[in-house]
Protein backbone atom coordinates (compact mmCIF):
# COMPACT_ATOMS: atom_id res chain seq x y z
CA MET A 1 297.41 78.17 121.45
CA PRO A 2 295.16 81.23 120.89
CA HIS A 3 292.31 80.10 118.14
CA ASN A 4 292.33 83.19 116.59
CA ILE A 5 296.23 82.06 114.78
CA LEU A 6 295.51 79.40 111.95
CA PRO A 7 297.75 76.88 111.15
CA ALA A 8 298.84 78.51 107.81
CA GLU A 9 300.30 81.28 110.44
CA ILE A 10 302.30 79.31 112.11
CA ASN A 11 303.96 77.73 109.53
CA GLU A 12 304.77 81.06 108.39
CA LEU A 13 306.50 81.71 111.81
CA ILE A 14 308.08 78.57 111.59
CA ALA A 15 309.39 79.09 108.39
CA ALA A 16 310.40 82.65 109.18
CA THR A 17 312.64 81.86 111.95
CA ALA A 18 313.80 78.99 110.79
CA GLU A 19 314.98 81.54 107.67
CA GLU A 20 316.92 83.70 109.48
CA THR A 21 318.64 80.81 111.79
CA ALA A 22 319.26 79.23 108.81
CA LYS A 23 321.08 83.42 107.61
CA ALA A 24 322.85 83.12 111.41
CA LEU A 25 324.46 80.37 110.93
CA GLU A 26 325.86 81.25 107.86
CA LYS A 27 326.89 84.50 109.67
CA ARG A 28 328.65 82.84 111.83
CA LEU A 29 330.59 80.40 109.57
CA ILE A 30 331.08 83.43 107.55
CA ALA A 31 332.91 84.94 110.38
CA SER A 32 334.95 82.04 111.65
CA SER A 33 336.36 81.44 107.97
CA LEU A 34 337.83 85.05 108.17
CA ASP A 35 341.18 84.52 106.16
CA THR A 36 343.31 86.23 108.57
CA SER A 37 347.19 85.89 108.40
CA ASN A 38 347.14 85.54 112.29
CA SER A 39 343.66 83.71 113.03
CA SER A 40 343.73 85.10 116.46
CA SER A 41 344.19 88.24 115.97
CA ARG A 42 341.71 90.36 117.48
CA LEU A 43 341.95 93.46 114.94
CA LEU A 44 339.91 93.69 111.49
CA THR A 45 340.76 95.27 108.50
CA VAL A 46 338.01 97.11 106.71
CA SER A 47 337.24 94.60 104.69
CA GLU A 48 337.09 91.77 107.04
CA ALA A 49 334.85 93.77 109.54
CA CYS A 50 332.44 94.77 106.67
CA ARG A 51 332.45 90.13 105.85
CA TYR A 52 332.07 89.93 109.52
CA LEU A 53 329.14 91.97 109.85
CA ASP A 54 327.71 91.06 106.45
CA CYS A 55 327.44 94.96 104.79
CA SER A 56 329.01 96.98 103.14
CA ARG A 57 331.64 100.21 103.70
CA ALA A 58 328.92 102.36 103.64
CA THR A 59 327.02 100.78 106.45
CA LEU A 60 329.77 100.28 108.27
CA ARG A 61 331.04 104.01 107.50
CA ARG A 62 327.14 104.67 108.68
CA LEU A 63 328.06 102.79 111.85
CA GLU A 64 330.80 104.63 112.69
CA ASP A 65 329.61 107.76 112.54
CA ALA A 66 326.32 106.52 114.63
CA GLY A 67 328.69 106.26 117.16
CA ASP A 68 327.87 102.82 117.09
CA LEU A 69 331.50 101.60 116.12
CA VAL A 70 334.42 103.13 117.42
CA PRO A 71 337.41 101.66 114.61
CA LYS A 72 341.17 102.17 116.43
CA ARG A 73 343.19 104.17 113.51
CA PHE A 74 346.82 103.34 113.22
CA GLY A 75 347.69 107.01 110.39
CA ARG A 76 345.60 105.93 108.29
CA ARG A 77 344.80 102.30 108.80
CA VAL A 78 341.71 101.55 110.14
CA ARG A 79 340.86 98.36 112.17
CA TYR A 80 338.03 97.15 114.14
CA GLU A 81 337.57 95.01 117.12
CA ARG A 82 336.42 92.13 116.39
CA SER A 83 334.99 91.93 120.62
CA ALA A 84 333.39 95.65 119.45
CA LEU A 85 331.68 93.93 116.64
CA ASP A 86 330.45 90.95 118.75
CA LYS A 87 329.42 93.38 121.16
CA TYR A 88 327.36 95.52 118.23
CA ILE A 89 326.03 91.90 116.86
CA ASP A 90 324.31 91.80 120.18
CA LYS A 91 323.22 94.68 121.40
CA SER A 92 321.59 95.26 118.08
CA GLY A 93 319.81 91.87 118.10
CA HIS A 94 321.29 91.59 114.56
CA THR A 95 323.01 87.88 114.28
C-alpha cells in the first residue's frame, strides 16, 4: 500500500465503491422487474427503456441523436431492443 494514501481516503474510496455497487444492483433489480406483458419480450417501449436505463426521455433522445442507441420504428411506434440497451450499458461503463 502506498504511503501517501491516508486511511480516511481509503475509507472514502470503499464507501464510494459500495454506494456505486448498491446503485448498480438497484438498477439491475428494477430492470429485471419491468412489468411487460411478455417477460421474454426483447423490445421495450420508450417508458420501459427509460426505466431500464434509469434516465429521462430527454436523455434517451440525446442517446439516440448521438447514435449511441438506434431504436426500431414501426410507424409512429418506437421500440428499443433490450440487447442494444445492455450493450450501451456495457460500452459506456454505466451500470
